[in-house]
Protein backbone atom coordinates (compact mmCIF):
# COMPACT_ATOMS: atom_id res chain seq x y z
CA MET A 1 19.23 -18.15 68.76
CA TYR A 2 19.57 -18.08 72.71
CA ASN A 3 17.27 -20.35 74.58
CA VAL A 4 14.99 -19.10 77.31
CA SER A 5 17.29 -19.59 80.53
CA THR A 6 20.24 -17.84 78.63
CA ARG A 7 17.81 -14.93 78.01
CA LYS A 8 16.72 -15.06 82.01
CA ARG A 9 20.09 -15.31 83.22
CA ALA A 10 20.83 -11.87 81.38
CA LEU A 11 17.89 -10.23 82.44
CA ALA A 12 18.53 -11.31 86.10
CA LEU A 13 21.83 -9.32 86.01
CA VAL A 14 20.05 -6.13 84.61
CA ALA A 15 17.49 -6.65 87.18
CA LYS A 16 20.55 -6.12 89.98
CA GLY A 17 21.26 -2.86 88.43
CA ARG A 18 24.00 -4.03 86.30
CA SER A 19 24.18 -1.71 82.91
CA LEU A 20 23.45 -3.22 79.43
CA ASN A 21 27.08 -2.58 78.64
CA SER A 22 28.58 -4.73 81.71
CA VAL A 23 26.21 -7.41 80.98
CA SER A 24 26.96 -7.78 77.17
CA ARG A 25 30.58 -7.95 78.38
CA GLU A 26 30.05 -10.52 80.69
CA THR A 27 27.71 -12.91 78.59
CA GLY A 28 28.99 -11.93 75.06
CA ILE A 29 25.60 -11.27 74.03
CA SER A 30 24.66 -7.89 72.24
CA ARG A 31 23.14 -5.31 73.85
CA ALA A 32 20.29 -4.95 71.21
CA ALA A 33 19.44 -8.76 72.11
CA ILE A 34 19.19 -7.97 75.79
CA ARG A 35 17.29 -4.72 75.43
CA SER A 36 14.80 -6.72 73.10
CA TRP A 37 14.20 -9.44 75.64
CA GLN A 38 13.09 -6.97 78.03
CA GLY A 39 10.10 -6.27 75.89
CA ARG A 40 9.53 -10.29 74.92
CA LEU A 41 11.26 -12.94 76.73
CA GLU A 42 9.84 -15.66 74.39
CA PRO A 43 11.56 -16.42 70.88
CA LEU A 44 9.13 -15.69 68.06
CA PRO A 45 7.72 -18.71 66.63
CA ARG A 46 9.48 -19.82 63.58
CA MET A 47 7.76 -19.34 60.36
CA ALA A 48 7.62 -21.98 57.91
CA ALA A 49 9.05 -21.28 54.49
CA PRO A 50 5.87 -20.90 51.83
CA PRO A 51 6.01 -23.37 49.28
CA PRO A 52 7.19 -22.39 45.91
CA GLY A 53 5.33 -21.35 43.15
CA PRO A 54 5.50 -22.89 39.45
CA PRO A 55 9.25 -23.39 38.44
CA ALA A 56 11.23 -20.59 36.59
CA ASP A 57 12.43 -23.02 34.08
CA GLU A 58 9.44 -24.23 32.35
CA VAL A 59 11.39 -26.19 29.44
CA ALA A 60 13.20 -28.06 31.95
CA TYR A 61 10.26 -28.61 34.20
CA ALA A 62 7.94 -29.88 31.25
CA TYR A 63 10.79 -32.56 30.32
CA LEU A 64 11.07 -33.52 33.75
CA LEU A 65 7.45 -33.96 34.38
CA GLY A 66 7.45 -36.20 31.78
CA LEU A 67 10.46 -38.24 33.04
CA TYR A 68 8.84 -38.18 36.52
CA LEU A 69 5.42 -39.64 35.46
CA GLY A 70 7.05 -42.71 33.50
CA ASP A 71 10.05 -43.55 35.78
CA GLY A 72 10.20 -41.33 38.59
CA CYS A 73 9.35 -41.20 42.39
CA ILE A 74 9.41 -39.07 45.43
CA SER A 75 10.47 -40.50 49.12
CA ALA A 76 10.72 -38.47 52.32
CA HIS A 77 13.87 -37.78 53.98
CA PRO A 78 14.41 -40.55 56.91
CA ARG A 79 14.32 -37.41 59.53
CA GLY A 80 11.79 -35.78 57.86
CA THR A 81 13.55 -32.53 56.85
CA GLY A 82 12.69 -32.78 53.05
CA TYR A 83 12.00 -35.31 49.88
CA TYR A 84 14.22 -36.94 47.13
CA LEU A 85 13.42 -36.94 43.79
CA ARG A 86 14.41 -40.03 41.96
CA ILE A 87 14.43 -41.11 38.14
CA ALA A 88 15.49 -44.15 36.95
CA CYS A 89 17.35 -44.26 33.51
CA ALA A 90 18.71 -47.20 31.86
CA ASP A 91 22.92 -47.39 31.48
CA ALA A 92 22.26 -47.85 27.82
CA TRP A 93 21.10 -44.47 27.35
CA PRO A 94 24.07 -42.16 28.82
CA GLY A 95 22.69 -39.18 26.72
CA LEU A 96 19.08 -39.53 28.68
CA ILE A 97 20.96 -39.83 31.86
CA ASP A 98 22.98 -36.31 31.21
CA ALA A 99 19.69 -34.71 29.95
CA CYS A 100 17.87 -35.67 33.40
CA GLU A 101 20.58 -34.40 35.53
CA ASN A 102 20.54 -31.30 33.74
CA ALA A 103 16.74 -31.05 33.97
CA MET A 104 16.72 -31.73 37.85
CA ARG A 105 19.40 -29.27 38.41
CA ALA A 106 17.54 -26.46 36.60
CA VAL A 107 14.23 -27.32 38.31
CA ASN A 108 15.55 -27.75 41.51
CA PRO A 109 16.16 -24.24 43.34
CA SER A 110 19.33 -25.48 45.13
CA ARG A 111 20.61 -27.02 41.79
CA ASN A 112 21.52 -30.30 43.92
CA ALA A 113 21.48 -33.60 41.71
CA TYR A 114 23.69 -36.31 41.59
CA ARG A 115 23.61 -40.13 40.26
CA THR A 116 23.47 -43.36 42.20
CA GLN A 117 24.41 -46.45 40.27
CA THR A 118 22.48 -49.65 40.58
CA GLN A 119 22.38 -52.67 38.57
CA GLY A 120 21.44 -52.23 34.90
CA TYR A 121 20.17 -48.56 35.70
CA VAL A 122 21.33 -45.35 37.26
CA SER A 123 19.10 -43.54 39.61
CA VAL A 124 19.22 -39.45 39.23
CA VAL A 125 18.59 -38.19 42.35
CA GLY A 126 17.90 -34.49 43.88
CA TYR A 127 17.03 -33.45 47.58
CA TYR A 128 14.73 -30.42 47.84
CA PRO A 129 11.84 -29.76 50.67
CA HIS A 130 9.38 -29.04 48.39
CA TRP A 131 9.38 -31.83 45.66
CA PRO A 132 5.55 -32.71 46.41
CA HIS A 133 4.69 -29.16 45.80
CA LEU A 134 6.20 -29.40 42.31
CA PHE A 135 5.00 -32.91 41.42
CA PRO A 136 1.57 -32.99 43.11
CA GLN A 137 1.26 -36.58 41.61
CA HIS A 138 3.18 -37.89 44.10
CA GLY A 139 1.38 -39.97 46.63
CA PRO A 140 1.07 -43.52 48.39
CA GLY A 141 1.16 -46.65 46.25
CA LYS A 142 1.93 -46.96 42.48
CA LYS A 143 0.80 -44.36 39.97
CA HIS A 144 -1.32 -46.65 37.96
CA GLU A 145 -3.27 -47.72 41.02
CA ARG A 146 -4.31 -43.94 41.98
CA PRO A 147 -5.98 -41.05 39.86
CA ILE A 148 -3.10 -38.78 38.22
CA ALA A 149 -4.17 -35.46 36.62
CA LEU A 150 -2.06 -32.33 35.81
CA LYS A 151 -2.80 -28.98 38.08
CA PRO A 152 -3.93 -25.99 36.32
CA TRP A 153 -0.48 -24.66 36.46
CA GLN A 154 1.24 -27.96 35.40
CA GLN A 155 -1.28 -27.82 32.28
CA ALA A 156 -0.21 -24.37 31.40
CA ILE A 157 3.34 -25.21 31.23
CA VAL A 158 2.70 -28.56 29.23
CA ASP A 159 0.66 -26.09 26.90
CA ALA A 160 3.27 -23.75 26.47
CA HIS A 161 5.81 -26.61 25.95
CA PRO A 162 4.23 -29.81 24.71
CA TRP A 163 7.08 -31.35 22.76
CA GLU A 164 9.43 -31.24 26.10
CA PHE A 165 6.48 -32.90 27.76
CA VAL A 166 6.11 -35.52 25.02
CA ARG A 167 10.15 -35.79 24.92
CA GLY A 168 10.13 -36.70 28.61
CA LEU A 169 7.31 -39.26 28.40
CA ILE A 170 9.07 -40.98 25.47
CA HIS A 171 12.38 -40.73 27.06
CA SER A 172 11.02 -42.74 30.07
CA ASP A 173 8.24 -45.01 28.83
CA GLY A 174 8.87 -44.88 24.75
CA CYS A 175 11.05 -46.00 22.40
CA ARG A 176 11.72 -45.66 18.87
CA ILE A 177 12.24 -49.12 16.93
CA THR A 178 12.55 -50.31 12.96
CA ASN A 179 9.35 -52.19 11.99
CA TRP A 180 9.41 -54.20 8.64
CA THR A 181 6.84 -55.87 6.57
CA THR A 182 6.73 -57.39 3.00
CA ARG A 183 5.12 -55.91 -0.32
CA LEU A 184 4.58 -57.22 -3.68
CA VAL A 185 6.90 -54.56 -6.11
CA ARG A 186 6.47 -55.86 -9.72
CA GLY A 187 5.33 -59.46 -8.75
CA GLU A 188 8.11 -59.60 -6.12
CA ARG A 189 7.51 -59.91 -2.62
CA ARG A 190 10.38 -57.34 -1.05
CA ARG A 191 11.36 -56.60 2.65
CA TYR A 192 10.04 -53.04 3.54
CA GLU A 193 11.20 -51.17 6.44
CA TYR A 194 9.81 -48.17 8.40
CA PRO A 195 10.67 -46.21 11.82
CA ARG A 196 7.80 -46.41 14.51
CA TYR A 197 7.31 -44.88 17.85
CA PHE A 198 5.85 -46.93 21.04
CA PHE A 199 4.59 -45.53 24.37
CA THR A 200 3.82 -48.01 27.07
CA ASN A 201 2.46 -47.10 30.56
CA MET A 202 0.22 -49.10 33.06
CA SER A 203 -1.86 -45.68 34.15
CA ALA A 204 -4.66 -45.02 32.11
CA ASP A 205 -4.35 -41.16 33.01
CA ILE A 206 -0.79 -41.20 32.02
CA VAL A 207 -1.53 -42.57 28.66
CA ARG A 208 -4.42 -39.93 28.31
CA LEU A 209 -1.87 -36.84 29.25
CA PHE A 210 0.56 -38.47 26.51
CA THR A 211 -2.17 -38.87 23.73
CA GLU A 212 -3.92 -35.64 24.53
CA THR A 213 -0.53 -33.67 24.09
CA LEU A 214 0.07 -35.60 20.95
CA ASP A 215 -3.30 -34.41 19.50
CA ARG A 216 -2.31 -30.76 20.38
CA VAL A 217 1.17 -31.10 18.14
CA GLY A 218 -0.51 -32.85 15.13
CA VAL A 219 0.80 -36.25 15.71
CA GLU A 220 -1.44 -39.22 14.72
CA TRP A 221 -1.50 -42.08 16.88
CA LYS A 222 -3.01 -45.30 17.15
CA GLN A 223 -3.92 -47.45 20.78
CA ALA A 224 -2.92 -50.96 20.37
CA ASN A 225 -4.64 -51.95 23.87
CA ALA A 226 -4.95 -49.79 27.24
CA LYS A 227 -1.50 -49.42 27.84
CA ASN A 228 0.42 -49.38 24.54
CA ILE A 229 0.35 -46.25 22.13
CA SER A 230 2.02 -46.46 18.84
CA ILE A 231 2.73 -44.04 16.15
CA ALA A 232 3.72 -45.14 12.56
CA ARG A 233 2.25 -42.58 10.12
CA LYS A 234 5.28 -41.02 8.02
CA ALA A 235 4.33 -37.25 9.05
CA SER A 236 3.74 -38.16 12.38
CA VAL A 237 7.14 -40.17 12.73
CA ALA A 238 8.95 -37.09 11.36
CA LEU A 239 7.38 -34.93 13.74
CA LEU A 240 8.69 -36.84 16.62
CA ASP A 241 12.03 -37.31 14.89
CA ASN A 242 12.39 -33.53 14.74
CA HIS A 243 11.66 -32.99 18.21
CA VAL A 244 12.40 -36.29 20.18
CA GLY A 245 14.51 -38.31 18.43
CA PRO A 246 15.84 -41.91 19.59
CA LYS A 247 17.28 -42.11 22.90
CA HIS A 248 21.00 -42.19 22.96
């Protein structure tokens, strides 16, 4: 784009009686541009790009939303040109890291995502100017210190793909473990093992989003305290094993 002083110099040559052809040859500016400046000297203001609508890949977004609510954050670029989305993934779960990166690439219109290694964990990072529009839960301070609620368009995606949302939450702040207890069998006390899922988050709002989604998919749960959810019933564990599975 030519600045105003360049435009004025070209128009001054035309005002001296020079043809558009000769001014174009001397300045390297197209005749069409010079002709348009005769009608309007000032450049048209730049139009800000409209914020994006809901992501096209809803399955990837539902999973990434769960990861973000658990272990994600958004930070501004130092020059104010956009934002970074970062999801922290433990080194112990390389499959989770791959799934996170794939989901971020699918949701980010630029398909941008990369990894940075920190002691004990990998940050999966993506740059995009409009991350706060895609994750409006972004805000100052810690998530558990501010209200967290889904926008109607986010809730519609979670309702359509509840298992992906649950999977993202468990992959970020949950686990599958093997519990044990003892029971009497024909008068003899024997050890009994059974699988169980746990989910832990400091935000009461995020815990509520998790349990409400479990209710929709028919998973029974118990709340041990304000931040801990347990799923131990055999049928419910089987559902989670089928749709979520242990981290790997």
